[in-house]
Protein backbone atom coordinates (compact mmCIF):
# COMPACT_ATOMS: atom_id res chain seq x y z
CA MET A 1 13.57 -1.78 -1.92
CA THR A 2 12.56 -3.87 1.12
CA ALA A 3 14.13 -1.34 3.47
CA ILE A 4 12.37 1.55 1.69
CA LEU A 5 8.96 -0.12 1.90
CA LEU A 6 9.48 -0.94 5.59
CA ALA A 7 10.54 2.65 6.25
CA PHE A 8 7.45 4.11 4.57
CA ALA A 9 5.18 1.70 6.45
CA SER A 10 6.86 2.73 9.71
CA ALA A 11 6.25 6.40 8.86
CA VAL A 12 2.53 5.75 8.35
CA PHE A 13 2.17 4.10 11.75
CA PHE A 14 4.27 6.74 13.54
CA GLY A 15 2.22 9.52 11.99
CA ALA A 16 -1.05 7.88 13.01
CA GLY A 17 0.26 7.28 16.53
CA VAL A 18 0.84 10.99 17.11
CA VAL A 19 -2.78 11.76 16.25
CA ILE A 20 -4.17 8.91 18.37
CA THR A 21 -2.20 10.31 21.31
CA GLN A 22 -4.32 13.48 21.21
CA PHE A 23 -7.47 11.51 22.02
CA GLY A 24 -5.82 9.79 24.97
CA LEU A 25 -4.45 13.06 26.34
CA ARG A 26 -8.00 14.33 26.79
CA HIS A 27 -8.36 11.88 29.68
CA VAL A 28 -4.91 10.86 30.94
CA HIS A 29 -1.67 12.67 31.83
CA PRO A 30 1.07 12.13 29.19
CA LEU A 31 3.45 10.37 31.60
CA SER A 32 0.68 8.02 32.68
CA GLY A 33 -0.22 7.52 29.03
CA ALA A 34 3.28 6.23 28.35
CA ALA A 35 2.84 3.76 31.24
CA ILE A 36 -0.19 2.38 29.37
CA SER A 37 1.05 2.56 25.80
CA ILE A 38 4.43 0.83 26.01
CA PRO A 39 3.48 -1.98 28.46
CA THR A 40 0.41 -2.76 26.31
CA PHE A 41 2.52 -3.54 23.27
CA THR A 42 5.13 -5.27 25.42
CA ALA A 43 2.49 -7.65 26.77
CA PHE A 44 1.26 -8.36 23.24
CA PHE A 45 4.85 -8.81 22.07
CA VAL A 46 5.65 -11.29 24.83
CA LEU A 47 2.57 -13.35 23.92
CA VAL A 48 3.49 -13.67 20.24
CA SER A 49 7.28 -13.85 20.65
CA PRO A 50 7.42 -17.68 20.98
CA LEU A 51 6.04 -17.89 17.44
CA LEU A 52 8.16 -15.07 16.03
CA LEU A 53 11.42 -16.21 17.64
CA ARG A 54 10.98 -19.95 17.26
CA GLY A 55 14.22 -21.66 16.29
CA ASP A 56 16.45 -18.62 16.80
CA HIS A 57 19.46 -18.69 19.13
CA ILE A 58 20.15 -15.95 21.68
CA VAL A 59 23.26 -13.85 21.06
CA TRP A 60 24.03 -12.65 24.57
CA ARG A 61 26.51 -9.97 23.47
CA ALA A 62 23.71 -8.01 21.80
CA ILE A 63 21.33 -7.98 24.76
CA PRO A 64 23.03 -5.10 26.71
CA ILE A 65 22.96 -2.98 23.56
CA PHE A 66 19.25 -3.54 22.91
CA ALA A 67 18.46 -3.10 26.62
CA ALA A 68 20.23 0.28 26.73
CA ILE A 69 18.44 1.32 23.53
CA GLY A 70 15.11 0.29 25.08
CA VAL A 71 15.52 2.60 28.07
CA VAL A 72 15.76 5.55 25.67
CA TYR A 73 13.81 4.27 22.66
CA PRO A 74 10.89 4.10 22.94
CA GLY A 75 10.93 4.59 26.76
CA LEU A 76 12.19 8.12 27.43
CA LEU A 77 11.33 9.13 23.87
CA THR A 78 7.66 8.32 24.43
CA LEU A 79 7.55 10.33 27.66
CA LEU A 80 8.96 13.37 25.85
CA THR A 81 6.71 12.93 22.81
CA PHE A 82 3.52 12.65 24.84
CA ALA A 83 4.47 15.67 26.96
CA SER A 84 5.22 17.64 23.78
CA ASN A 85 1.95 16.52 22.22
CA ARG A 86 0.04 17.83 25.20
CA ALA A 87 1.88 21.16 25.29
CA LEU A 88 2.28 21.91 21.58
CA GLY A 89 -0.24 19.74 19.76
CA PRO A 90 0.33 16.89 17.28
CA VAL A 91 1.27 18.92 14.21
CA VAL A 92 4.16 20.86 15.76
CA THR A 93 5.30 17.78 17.72
CA SER A 94 5.55 15.55 14.67
CA ALA A 95 6.87 18.27 12.38
CA LEU A 96 9.78 19.04 14.71
CA GLY A 97 10.42 15.31 14.91
CA ASN A 98 11.53 15.67 11.30
CA VAL A 99 14.89 17.03 12.47
CA SER A 100 15.91 13.54 13.65
CA PRO A 101 17.52 12.54 10.30
CA LEU A 102 20.14 15.23 10.81
CA PHE A 103 21.47 13.39 13.85
CA SER A 104 21.10 9.97 12.22
CA VAL A 105 22.95 10.94 9.07
CA VAL A 106 25.82 12.53 11.00
CA LEU A 107 26.22 9.44 13.19
CA ALA A 108 25.88 7.11 10.19
CA VAL A 109 28.77 8.95 8.52
CA LEU A 110 30.96 9.12 11.63
CA VAL A 111 30.21 5.76 13.25
CA LEU A 112 29.06 3.48 10.43
CA ASN A 113 31.26 5.05 7.72
CA GLU A 114 28.30 5.61 5.41
CA PRO A 115 29.03 8.18 2.65
CA LEU A 116 27.53 11.68 2.74
CA GLN A 117 26.74 12.97 -0.75
CA PRO A 118 26.33 16.66 -1.75
CA LEU A 119 22.57 16.24 -2.26
CA GLN A 120 22.28 14.82 1.26
CA PHE A 121 24.09 17.84 2.68
CA GLY A 122 21.76 20.14 0.75
CA GLY A 123 18.79 18.21 2.05
CA ILE A 124 19.97 18.72 5.61
CA ILE A 125 20.13 22.50 5.08
CA ILE A 126 16.64 22.61 3.54
CA ALA A 127 15.22 20.47 6.36
CA VAL A 128 16.70 22.86 8.93
CA VAL A 129 15.06 25.83 7.18
CA GLY A 130 11.72 24.02 7.21
CA VAL A 131 12.05 23.21 10.89
CA PHE A 132 12.85 26.87 11.61
CA MET A 133 9.64 27.93 9.86
CA ILE A 134 7.68 25.47 11.97
CA THR A 135 9.21 26.63 15.25
CA VAL A 136 8.06 30.22 14.74
CA THR A 137 4.51 29.17 13.86
CA ARG A 138 1.54 29.10 16.25
CA THR A 139 -1.15 26.71 15.05
CA GLY A 140 -4.81 26.36 15.99
CA ASP A 141 -4.13 23.18 17.98
CA ALA A 142 -1.31 24.76 19.98
CA ARG A 143 -1.94 26.24 23.38
CA ASP A 144 -0.32 29.48 24.47
CA TRP A 145 3.04 27.76 24.64
CA ARG A 146 6.41 29.25 25.43
CA SER A 147 9.43 28.83 23.18
CA TRP A 148 11.34 26.71 25.69
CA LEU A 149 8.70 23.99 25.26
CA LEU A 150 10.23 23.39 21.83
CA LEU A 151 12.99 21.59 23.73
CA LEU A 152 10.54 18.72 24.30
CA PRO A 153 10.09 17.69 20.64
CA LEU A 154 13.67 18.65 19.75
CA SER A 155 15.02 16.44 22.55
CA ALA A 156 12.76 13.65 21.31
CA ALA A 157 14.09 14.21 17.79
CA LEU A 158 17.65 13.94 19.10
CA MET A 159 16.85 10.61 20.76
CA ARG A 160 15.01 9.37 17.68
CA GLY A 161 17.95 10.39 15.52
CA ILE A 162 20.84 8.90 17.49
CA MET A 163 19.21 5.54 18.23
CA PRO A 164 19.04 3.99 14.71
CA PRO A 165 22.83 3.85 14.25
CA PHE A 166 23.13 2.04 17.58
CA ILE A 167 20.28 -0.27 16.58
CA LYS A 168 22.26 -1.01 13.42
CA ILE A 169 25.32 -1.89 15.51
CA GLY A 170 23.25 -4.24 17.65
CA LEU A 171 21.66 -5.87 14.61
CA GLU A 172 25.08 -6.54 13.13
CA ILE A 173 25.78 -8.66 16.21
CA TRP A 174 22.35 -10.32 16.36
CA PRO A 175 20.48 -9.77 13.06
CA ASN A 176 17.02 -10.31 14.45
CA PRO A 177 14.78 -7.18 14.55
CA VAL A 178 12.05 -9.02 16.46
CA ALA A 179 14.39 -10.05 19.28
CA ALA A 180 15.88 -6.55 19.35
CA GLY A 181 12.44 -4.99 19.57
CA LEU A 182 11.30 -7.37 22.31
CA ILE A 183 14.32 -6.66 24.51
CA GLY A 184 13.99 -2.93 23.88
CA TYR A 185 10.30 -2.91 24.79
CA LEU A 186 10.84 -4.90 27.97
CA PHE A 187 13.30 -2.30 29.24
CA SER A 188 11.16 0.57 27.95
CA SER A 189 8.26 -0.79 30.01
CA LEU A 190 10.45 -0.90 33.10
CA THR A 191 11.42 2.73 32.47
CA VAL A 192 7.92 4.17 32.06
CA LEU A 193 6.41 2.05 34.85
CA THR A 194 9.14 3.22 37.22
CA VAL A 195 8.34 6.84 36.35
CA GLU A 196 4.64 6.16 37.00
CA ARG A 197 5.46 4.49 40.35
CA VAL A 198 7.52 7.50 41.47
CA ARG A 199 4.83 9.97 40.34
CA ASN A 200 1.69 8.30 41.66
CA GLY A 201 2.87 5.58 44.04
CA SER A 202 1.54 2.77 41.85
CA PHE A 203 2.52 0.87 38.73
CA ILE A 204 -1.15 0.74 37.73
CA VAL A 205 -2.38 3.83 35.88
CA LYS A 206 -5.59 5.33 37.18
CA GLY A 207 -7.87 7.16 34.82
CA PRO A 208 -10.99 6.99 32.68
CA LEU A 209 -11.46 3.85 30.59
CA ALA A 210 -11.60 5.89 27.39
CA GLY A 211 -8.14 7.34 28.01
CA ARG A 212 -6.65 3.96 28.80
CA LEU A 213 -8.13 2.44 25.66
CA TRP A 214 -6.81 5.24 23.45
CA PHE A 215 -3.31 4.84 24.86
CA ALA A 216 -3.52 1.06 24.52
CA LEU A 217 -4.33 1.57 20.83
CA ASN A 218 -1.48 4.06 20.60
CA GLY A 219 0.85 1.44 22.06
CA LEU A 220 -0.08 -1.09 19.40
CA VAL A 221 0.31 1.42 16.57
CA ASN A 222 3.63 2.80 17.83
CA GLY A 223 4.87 -0.72 18.58
CA ILE A 224 4.26 -1.83 15.01
CA ALA A 225 5.96 1.35 13.78
CA THR A 226 9.00 0.65 15.96
CA LEU A 227 9.28 -2.96 14.81
CA LEU A 228 9.10 -1.79 11.20
CA LEU A 229 11.86 0.72 11.98
CA TYR A 230 14.06 -2.04 13.41
CA ALA A 231 13.43 -4.17 10.34
CA ALA A 232 14.15 -1.27 7.98
CA VAL A 233 17.40 -0.37 9.76
CA GLY A 234 18.45 -4.00 9.60
CA ALA A 235 17.71 -4.21 5.88
CA GLY A 236 19.20 -0.94 4.63
CA ARG A 237 21.44 2.05 5.24
CA VAL A 238 20.61 4.29 8.20
CA SER A 239 21.22 7.42 6.10
CA VAL A 240 18.46 6.27 3.73
CA VAL A 241 15.98 4.61 6.08
CA VAL A 242 15.72 7.24 8.81
CA PRO A 243 15.01 10.20 6.49
CA LEU A 244 12.20 8.18 4.93
CA ILE A 245 10.67 7.40 8.31
CA ALA A 246 10.93 11.09 9.16
CA THR A 247 8.28 11.86 6.54
CA TYR A 248 5.68 10.80 9.12
CA PRO A 249 4.70 14.46 9.85
CA LEU A 250 2.86 14.44 6.52
CA ILE A 251 0.70 11.59 7.79
CA THR A 252 0.10 13.46 11.05
CA LEU A 253 -0.69 16.67 9.16
CA GLY A 254 -3.27 14.98 6.95
CA LEU A 255 -4.92 12.95 9.71
CA SER A 256 -5.00 15.94 12.06
CA ALA A 257 -6.79 18.04 9.46
CA LEU A 258 -9.33 15.23 9.00
CA VAL A 259 -10.11 14.17 12.58
CA LEU A 260 -9.02 16.99 14.91
CA THR A 261 -11.41 19.92 14.57
CA ASN A 262 -9.19 22.28 16.60
CA VAL A 263 -6.26 21.97 14.23
CA ARG A 264 -5.71 24.87 11.83
CA ILE A 265 -3.20 24.18 9.08
CA THR A 266 -1.63 27.52 8.16
CA ALA A 267 0.23 28.22 4.93
CA LYS A 268 3.43 28.85 6.89
CA LEU A 269 3.16 25.54 8.74
CA ALA A 270 2.39 23.66 5.53
CA CYS A 271 5.31 25.33 3.76
CA GLY A 272 7.70 24.56 6.61
CA THR A 273 6.61 20.94 6.69
CA ALA A 274 6.96 20.68 2.90
CA LEU A 275 10.49 22.08 3.04
CA ALA A 276 11.44 19.72 5.84
CA VAL A 277 10.14 16.74 3.90
CA ALA A 278 11.77 17.99 0.68
CA GLY A 279 15.05 18.04 2.56
CA VAL A 280 14.44 14.46 3.61
CA VAL A 281 13.82 13.47 -0.02
CA LEU A 282 17.13 15.02 -1.05
CA ILE A 283 18.86 13.12 1.72
CA LEU A 284 17.28 9.96 0.33
CA ILE A 285 18.13 10.40 -3.33
CA GLY A 286 21.60 11.69 -2.47
């Protein structure tokens, strides 16, 4: 039950983060936004870590695992997600992120020896159908995008899907989600700041104050979501936790309809999202 509650809470924060990103993208390039978002939470994390990690002992064998995870998640993942958000809009970006449980469940079965039940297999098929419906939909918030741009959110979904099993492996060595998250965020910050340095010749992002503030808020929201994900993965099975977290497109869908006036929720998009989430539910109860 603890893992389920943590997973749902993580989904709420991830869904909200996608919408917040849209406000920041009005002022700042997505790659620069990542160089604000992730380091903001990292700085906050470093400040509070002495309290959160007090009395714990470092397990050095786990550090390379969490460092490698951090380069990809949330580092490269955030770069892809922000770029997708700018090109496709928040609804399509988050809805296609729902395919990530497919990768997580497969790896959980193959690497962690978690069982795959018939209902879970059926859920995977239904989720794929829902994702297909979403991919052939043009929404009011989407620009005149080309089909190849779908590789952005699908690549992000792949990263989001394959990381939790490796997080689980690391947490079996050092069962401390806070330490794992801190190490991951430190290396994620190095990743996005390096990209910003190569792009613009400076580690400091230049842009309007409004854009920087929105991405700072996004960093805090996504950081909390990621920590909750680490905690959920540590407390429960990957094949259960990740599909629950993948329901975050429903949060994005609802918030987008409320606060983004240029978003048009079509029946086809809503149906595709509902099917994708229904598939996730079957994976869960299976």
